[in-house]
């Protein structure tokens, strides 16, 4: 009897895993682990409420540099009544043709904060991410409606005011859409999407930091070297995102041992996908500042407002100059990405168990 029992046990161990009885995987054939994971996830109402709260708080954080100044609407060239700066009405957004880059920064920074928070709160899943997008939109659209309502009632009537409001409103709505895109990309589980989201948000985030250091239309008492360092923040952020994605993000869930490779040949995403993320992030880092400067050059002159030819010429000149001078951050981001990826790969290899 003892020999027969040992023979049955040996035969059972030699069976392929897919042919073993369900008891080998658990009483329910392996579904128990999934059921326990489902029970560990917060209920639907909690995920929706938590995600929506994340979006609302992130939107407020994005607007914080402006709100901290007192949130007085900037003086308007086309304002109907002569008004002192301290007598301007309260506005949720600094609506002005001189602050187009700041408007983009306030919106996109909120999307970045929401995306990072939603990614950190991983148990919420897609429902929480969607709720976070809804919360972000609720605050940003309400701020847009309140601010442009002030312009609609306070500006001089006429075609120039209509053009001014239409252009700024379109830019704010486009910035809101970009903020939601950044949120969805950064909160995505795929490392490539997160790296792209960081790349899109890097330039506006640096401008958001700059708004903290230098409030709109106020002189700065900070050293010029510190303000210059803030301008290099996008390159560092993009480089770190590329380094993380190259070394860790794309190989999540796998190790060099499991892939049958040595520590020096750590698994990575498909080369085409990896190259695409690098190209897109570096291209955005190069082009995005030029676009912002071009828009500000086109809208920033009340003399040219409504003269489409002169506005286009001003924008083209500003974009061309910025593109020619904008290679420094791109090179820095590439260096940070490459060096950081090598460092992370070596660190990861050193942590692998040796045979």
Protein backbone atom coordinates (compact mmCIF):
# COMPACT_ATOMS: atom_id res chain seq x y z
CA UNK A 1 0.00 0.00 0.00
CA UNK A 2 2.84 2.42 0.81
CA UNK A 3 4.49 1.78 -2.56
CA UNK A 4 1.19 2.31 -4.43
CA UNK A 5 0.59 5.64 -2.61
CA UNK A 6 4.09 6.83 -3.45
CA UNK A 7 3.56 5.78 -7.09
CA UNK A 8 0.29 7.75 -7.32
CA UNK A 9 1.93 10.83 -5.78
CA UNK A 10 4.85 10.62 -8.22
CA UNK A 11 2.50 10.23 -11.18
CA UNK A 12 0.43 13.22 -9.98
CA UNK A 13 3.50 15.46 -9.75
CA UNK A 14 4.50 14.51 -13.31
CA UNK A 15 1.14 15.55 -14.81
CA UNK A 16 1.13 18.80 -16.81
CA UNK A 17 -0.18 21.74 -14.81
CA UNK A 18 -3.19 22.19 -17.08
CA UNK A 19 -4.22 18.51 -16.58
CA UNK A 20 -4.11 18.56 -12.77
CA UNK A 21 -7.33 18.69 -10.84
CA UNK A 22 -8.71 22.04 -9.79
CA UNK A 23 -7.69 21.38 -6.20
CA UNK A 24 -4.05 21.97 -7.18
CA UNK A 25 -4.93 25.60 -7.87
CA UNK A 26 -7.34 26.01 -5.01
CA UNK A 27 -10.80 24.87 -4.21
CA UNK A 28 -12.28 26.97 -7.01
CA UNK A 29 -9.70 26.22 -9.71
CA UNK A 30 -7.67 29.42 -9.24
CA UNK A 31 -10.55 31.86 -9.14
CA UNK A 32 -10.12 32.46 -5.42
CA UNK A 33 -7.18 34.84 -5.87
CA UNK A 34 -9.12 36.92 -8.36
CA UNK A 35 -12.14 36.96 -6.10
CA UNK A 36 -10.03 38.10 -3.16
CA UNK A 37 -8.50 40.87 -5.30
CA UNK A 38 -11.97 42.00 -6.36
CA UNK A 39 -13.11 42.08 -2.73
CA UNK A 40 -10.01 44.13 -1.78
CA UNK A 41 -10.89 46.83 -4.33
CA UNK A 42 -12.97 49.67 -2.86
CA UNK A 43 -16.67 49.68 -3.74
CA UNK A 44 -17.80 51.55 -6.84
CA UNK A 45 -19.10 54.58 -4.97
CA UNK A 46 -15.80 54.96 -3.12
CA UNK A 47 -13.79 54.77 -6.34
CA UNK A 48 -16.00 57.36 -8.01
CA UNK A 49 -15.98 59.70 -5.01
CA UNK A 50 -12.25 59.29 -4.45
CA UNK A 51 -11.40 59.84 -8.11
CA UNK A 52 -13.66 62.88 -8.37
CA UNK A 53 -12.10 64.35 -5.23
CA UNK A 54 -8.63 63.80 -6.67
CA UNK A 55 -9.62 65.70 -9.82
CA UNK A 56 -11.14 68.60 -7.90
CA UNK A 57 -8.18 68.98 -5.55
CA UNK A 58 -5.68 68.68 -8.40
CA UNK A 59 -7.47 71.41 -10.36
CA UNK A 60 -7.32 73.71 -7.32
CA UNK A 61 -3.60 72.93 -6.90
CA UNK A 62 -3.09 73.84 -10.54
CA UNK A 63 -4.78 77.21 -10.05
CA UNK A 64 -3.02 77.86 -6.73
CA UNK A 65 -0.22 80.16 -8.02
CA UNK A 66 -2.82 82.51 -9.44
CA UNK A 67 -5.23 82.29 -6.50
CA UNK A 68 -2.35 83.09 -4.12
CA UNK A 69 -1.90 86.50 -5.79
CA UNK A 70 -5.45 87.56 -4.85
CA UNK A 71 -6.97 86.53 -8.20
CA UNK A 72 -7.72 90.03 -9.47
CA UNK A 73 -8.48 90.07 -13.19
CA UNK A 74 -5.49 91.62 -15.01
CA UNK A 75 -6.00 95.06 -16.51
CA UNK A 76 -7.57 94.83 -19.96
CA UNK A 77 -6.67 97.04 -22.90
CA UNK A 78 -10.29 96.92 -24.07
CA UNK A 79 -11.95 97.37 -20.66
CA UNK A 80 -14.98 99.64 -20.90
CA UNK A 81 -14.34 101.71 -17.76
CA UNK A 82 -11.05 103.11 -16.44
CA UNK A 83 -10.25 100.92 -13.43
CA UNK A 84 -7.32 100.62 -11.04
CA UNK A 85 -5.66 97.19 -10.75
CA UNK A 86 -6.86 96.67 -7.18
CA UNK A 87 -10.44 97.49 -8.23
CA UNK A 88 -10.63 94.84 -10.97
CA UNK A 89 -13.09 92.01 -10.22
CA UNK A 90 -12.01 88.65 -8.86
CA UNK A 91 -11.32 86.12 -11.59
CA UNK A 92 -10.60 82.40 -11.32
CA UNK A 93 -8.19 82.67 -14.27
CA UNK A 94 -5.67 85.37 -15.25
CA UNK A 95 -7.32 86.02 -18.59
CA UNK A 96 -4.95 88.23 -20.57
CA UNK A 97 -3.18 88.14 -23.92
CA UNK A 98 0.06 88.67 -22.00
CA UNK A 99 -0.36 85.50 -19.92
CA UNK A 100 -1.19 82.83 -22.50
CA UNK A 101 1.65 80.58 -21.35
CA UNK A 102 0.51 81.02 -17.74
CA UNK A 103 -3.03 79.96 -18.62
CA UNK A 104 -1.70 76.78 -20.22
CA UNK A 105 0.45 76.14 -17.15
CA UNK A 106 -2.40 76.50 -14.65
CA UNK A 107 -4.57 74.01 -16.54
CA UNK A 108 -1.97 71.39 -17.47
CA UNK A 109 -0.34 71.40 -14.02
CA UNK A 110 -3.70 70.36 -12.59
CA UNK A 111 -3.89 67.48 -15.06
CA UNK A 112 -0.38 66.35 -14.15
CA UNK A 113 -1.12 66.38 -10.41
CA UNK A 114 -4.38 64.48 -10.98
CA UNK A 115 -2.66 61.89 -13.15
CA UNK A 116 0.10 61.26 -10.62
CA UNK A 117 -2.40 60.97 -7.77
CA UNK A 118 -4.66 58.62 -9.73
CA UNK A 119 -1.66 56.50 -10.69
CA UNK A 120 -0.59 56.33 -7.06
CA UNK A 121 -4.09 55.31 -5.99
CA UNK A 122 -3.93 52.23 -8.21
CA UNK A 123 -6.80 50.35 -6.60
CA UNK A 124 -9.33 52.73 -8.11
CA UNK A 125 -8.86 51.43 -11.63
CA UNK A 126 -10.30 53.01 -14.75
CA UNK A 127 -13.44 54.15 -12.96
CA UNK A 128 -11.40 56.30 -10.58
CA UNK A 129 -9.37 57.76 -13.46
CA UNK A 130 -12.54 58.70 -15.31
CA UNK A 131 -13.97 60.25 -12.15
CA UNK A 132 -10.74 62.21 -11.66
CA UNK A 133 -11.04 63.57 -15.20
CA UNK A 134 -14.63 64.59 -14.43
CA UNK A 135 -13.58 66.39 -11.24
CA UNK A 136 -10.76 68.18 -13.06
CA UNK A 137 -13.10 69.26 -15.84
CA UNK A 138 -15.76 70.44 -13.40
CA UNK A 139 -13.40 72.90 -11.71
CA UNK A 140 -11.58 74.07 -14.83
CA UNK A 141 -14.74 74.60 -16.88
CA UNK A 142 -16.38 76.45 -13.98
CA UNK A 143 -13.30 78.69 -13.69
CA UNK A 144 -13.38 79.31 -17.44
CA UNK A 145 -17.08 80.24 -17.40
CA UNK A 146 -16.65 82.63 -14.46
CA UNK A 147 -13.59 84.38 -15.92
CA UNK A 148 -14.93 84.85 -19.43
CA UNK A 149 -18.27 85.94 -18.03
CA UNK A 150 -16.38 88.91 -16.58
CA UNK A 151 -14.91 89.72 -19.98
CA UNK A 152 -18.26 89.44 -21.72
CA UNK A 153 -19.74 92.07 -19.40
CA UNK A 154 -16.72 94.35 -18.91
CA UNK A 155 -15.11 94.77 -22.33
CA UNK A 156 -15.98 97.41 -24.86
CA UNK A 157 -18.42 96.11 -27.46
CA UNK A 158 -17.00 95.55 -30.91
CA UNK A 159 -15.21 93.15 -33.23
CA UNK A 160 -11.82 93.55 -31.53
CA UNK A 161 -13.26 92.48 -28.18
CA UNK A 162 -15.04 89.57 -29.85
CA UNK A 163 -11.79 88.42 -31.48
CA UNK A 164 -9.89 88.85 -28.22
CA UNK A 165 -12.38 86.80 -26.21
CA UNK A 166 -12.73 84.13 -28.89
CA UNK A 167 -8.97 83.62 -29.15
CA UNK A 168 -8.37 83.43 -25.41
CA UNK A 169 -11.39 81.20 -24.78
CA UNK A 170 -10.25 78.80 -27.50
CA UNK A 171 -6.78 78.67 -25.99
CA UNK A 172 -8.12 77.98 -22.49
CA UNK A 173 -10.41 75.21 -23.73
CA UNK A 174 -7.54 73.65 -25.69
CA UNK A 175 -5.41 73.79 -22.53
CA UNK A 176 -8.19 72.06 -20.59
CA UNK A 177 -8.29 69.30 -23.20
CA UNK A 178 -4.50 68.95 -22.94
CA UNK A 179 -4.81 68.72 -19.14
CA UNK A 180 -7.27 65.83 -19.43
CA UNK A 181 -5.00 64.09 -21.96
CA UNK A 182 -2.04 64.46 -19.59
CA UNK A 183 -4.13 63.02 -16.75
CA UNK A 184 -5.16 59.96 -18.77
CA UNK A 185 -1.64 59.31 -20.05
CA UNK A 186 0.13 59.70 -16.71
CA UNK A 187 -2.46 57.54 -14.92
CA UNK A 188 -2.25 54.79 -17.57
CA UNK A 189 -0.62 51.52 -16.55
CA UNK A 190 1.62 51.40 -19.59
CA UNK A 191 4.96 53.04 -19.00
CA UNK A 192 5.12 54.49 -22.51
CA UNK A 193 1.87 56.40 -22.04
CA UNK A 194 3.06 57.77 -18.70
CA UNK A 195 6.35 58.90 -20.23
CA UNK A 196 4.46 60.68 -23.02
CA UNK A 197 2.23 62.37 -20.46
CA UNK A 198 5.25 63.66 -18.55
CA UNK A 199 6.72 64.93 -21.80
CA UNK A 200 3.55 66.88 -22.64
CA UNK A 201 3.34 68.38 -19.15
CA UNK A 202 7.02 69.23 -18.62
CA UNK A 203 7.07 72.69 -20.20
CA UNK A 204 3.77 73.88 -18.63
CA UNK A 205 4.88 72.53 -15.25
CA UNK A 206 8.06 74.63 -15.39
CA UNK A 207 5.94 77.67 -16.20
CA UNK A 208 3.72 76.77 -13.22
CA UNK A 209 6.79 76.82 -10.96
CA UNK A 210 7.79 80.13 -12.50
CA UNK A 211 4.38 81.60 -11.59
CA UNK A 212 5.08 80.74 -7.96
CA UNK A 213 8.46 82.47 -8.15
CA UNK A 214 7.30 85.49 -10.16
CA UNK A 215 3.60 86.37 -9.83
CA UNK A 216 2.09 87.94 -12.98
CA UNK A 217 3.08 91.56 -13.61
CA UNK A 218 5.17 91.75 -10.44
CA UNK A 219 8.98 92.12 -10.18
CA UNK A 220 10.94 89.18 -8.83
CA UNK A 221 13.32 89.38 -5.91
CA UNK A 222 14.76 85.94 -6.61
CA UNK A 223 18.29 85.53 -7.99
CA UNK A 224 18.44 85.33 -11.75
CA UNK A 225 20.33 82.04 -11.54
CA UNK A 226 17.41 80.41 -9.72
CA UNK A 227 14.93 81.60 -12.33
CA UNK A 228 17.23 80.27 -15.03
CA UNK A 229 17.30 76.87 -13.34
CA UNK A 230 13.50 76.74 -13.44
CA UNK A 231 13.69 77.03 -17.22
CA UNK A 232 15.75 73.83 -17.33
CA UNK A 233 13.21 71.85 -15.32
CA UNK A 234 11.40 70.51 -18.44
CA UNK A 235 14.59 68.98 -19.78
CA UNK A 236 15.28 67.22 -16.48
CA UNK A 237 11.71 65.94 -16.19
CA UNK A 238 11.67 64.60 -19.74
CA UNK A 239 15.08 62.99 -19.26
CA UNK A 240 14.02 61.26 -16.05
CA UNK A 241 10.79 60.02 -17.66
CA UNK A 242 12.72 58.58 -20.61
CA UNK A 243 15.26 56.96 -18.30
CA UNK A 244 12.53 55.33 -16.20
CA UNK A 245 10.63 54.06 -19.23
CA UNK A 246 13.76 52.76 -20.95
CA UNK A 247 15.06 50.87 -17.92
CA UNK A 248 12.05 49.98 -15.81
CA UNK A 249 8.67 51.05 -17.10
CA UNK A 250 8.54 48.86 -20.18
CA UNK A 251 9.88 45.78 -18.46
CA UNK A 252 7.47 45.78 -15.54
CA UNK A 253 6.53 42.37 -14.31
CA UNK A 254 9.53 40.65 -15.90
CA UNK A 255 13.07 40.09 -14.78
CA UNK A 256 16.21 39.26 -16.63
CA UNK A 257 16.20 35.80 -15.17
CA UNK A 258 12.64 35.05 -16.20
CA UNK A 259 13.34 36.28 -19.71
CA UNK A 260 16.32 34.02 -20.02
CA UNK A 261 18.78 36.85 -20.44
CA UNK A 262 21.72 38.06 -18.42
CA UNK A 263 21.67 41.17 -16.24
CA UNK A 264 23.32 43.26 -18.91
CA UNK A 265 20.56 42.49 -21.43
CA UNK A 266 17.62 43.50 -19.36
CA UNK A 267 14.27 43.13 -21.14
CA UNK A 268 12.82 46.34 -22.53
CA UNK A 269 9.77 47.35 -24.57
CA UNK A 270 9.74 46.85 -28.31
CA UNK A 271 12.46 48.95 -29.86
CA UNK A 272 10.03 50.75 -32.14
CA UNK A 273 7.77 51.78 -29.26
CA UNK A 274 10.74 52.88 -27.16
CA UNK A 275 12.18 54.92 -30.03
CA UNK A 276 8.78 56.52 -30.70
CA UNK A 277 8.46 57.69 -27.09
CA UNK A 278 11.96 59.18 -27.20
CA UNK A 279 11.29 60.99 -30.48
CA UNK A 280 7.90 62.36 -29.41
CA UNK A 281 9.05 63.53 -25.97
CA UNK A 282 12.15 65.26 -27.32
CA UNK A 283 10.18 66.81 -30.19
CA UNK A 284 7.57 68.17 -27.77
CA UNK A 285 10.32 69.59 -25.57
CA UNK A 286 11.74 71.39 -28.61
CA UNK A 287 8.50 72.58 -30.27
CA UNK A 288 6.16 73.30 -27.34
CA UNK A 289 8.02 76.37 -25.98
CA UNK A 290 8.21 77.78 -29.50
CA UNK A 291 4.46 77.39 -29.97
CA UNK A 292 3.71 79.13 -26.68
CA UNK A 293 6.03 82.01 -27.54
CA UNK A 294 4.53 82.26 -31.02
CA UNK A 295 0.98 82.46 -29.64
CA UNK A 296 2.00 85.10 -27.12
CA UNK A 297 3.73 87.10 -29.88
CA UNK A 298 0.61 86.95 -32.06
CA UNK A 299 -1.82 87.98 -29.31
CA UNK A 300 0.42 90.16 -27.17
CA UNK A 301 0.26 93.33 -29.24
CA UNK A 302 -2.89 95.42 -29.11
CA UNK A 303 -1.60 97.31 -32.16
CA UNK A 304 -1.63 94.15 -34.31
CA UNK A 305 -4.81 92.69 -32.82
CA UNK A 306 -7.13 92.02 -35.76
CA UNK A 307 -4.37 92.47 -38.37
CA UNK A 308 -3.99 88.80 -39.33
CA UNK A 309 -0.95 89.32 -41.55
CA UNK A 310 1.05 91.12 -38.86
CA UNK A 311 -0.07 88.67 -36.17
CA UNK A 312 1.06 85.73 -38.31
CA UNK A 313 4.37 87.41 -39.10
CA UNK A 314 5.04 88.07 -35.41
CA UNK A 315 4.24 84.46 -34.56
CA UNK A 316 6.46 83.04 -37.31
CA UNK A 317 9.40 85.18 -36.28
CA UNK A 318 9.09 84.25 -32.61
CA UNK A 319 8.72 80.53 -33.39
CA UNK A 320 11.72 80.51 -35.72
CA UNK A 321 13.97 82.23 -33.20
CA UNK A 322 12.90 79.89 -30.39
CA UNK A 323 13.37 76.75 -32.48
CA UNK A 324 16.89 77.83 -33.44
CA UNK A 325 17.75 78.55 -29.81
CA UNK A 326 15.90 75.64 -28.22
CA UNK A 327 18.32 72.76 -28.75
CA UNK A 328 19.99 73.04 -25.36
CA UNK A 329 17.13 71.53 -23.32
CA UNK A 330 16.67 68.78 -25.90
CA UNK A 331 20.31 67.74 -25.64
CA UNK A 332 20.19 67.87 -21.84
CA UNK A 333 17.06 65.69 -21.77
CA UNK A 334 18.70 63.14 -24.08
CA UNK A 335 21.81 63.00 -21.88
CA UNK A 336 19.79 62.67 -18.67
CA UNK A 337 17.66 59.95 -20.26
CA UNK A 338 20.60 57.91 -21.52
CA UNK A 339 22.72 58.23 -18.36
CA UNK A 340 19.73 57.62 -16.13
CA UNK A 341 18.69 54.51 -18.07
CA UNK A 342 22.17 53.02 -17.79
CA UNK A 343 22.30 53.79 -14.07
CA UNK A 344 18.88 52.22 -13.45
CA UNK A 345 19.78 49.12 -15.47
CA UNK A 346 22.97 48.61 -13.49
CA UNK A 347 21.16 49.17 -10.21
CA UNK A 348 18.49 46.67 -11.19
CA UNK A 349 21.08 44.13 -12.32
CA UNK A 350 22.95 44.46 -9.03
CA UNK A 351 19.78 43.58 -7.14
CA UNK A 352 19.13 40.40 -9.12
CA UNK A 353 19.99 37.18 -7.25
CA UNK A 354 23.23 35.65 -8.47
CA UNK A 355 23.19 31.94 -9.48
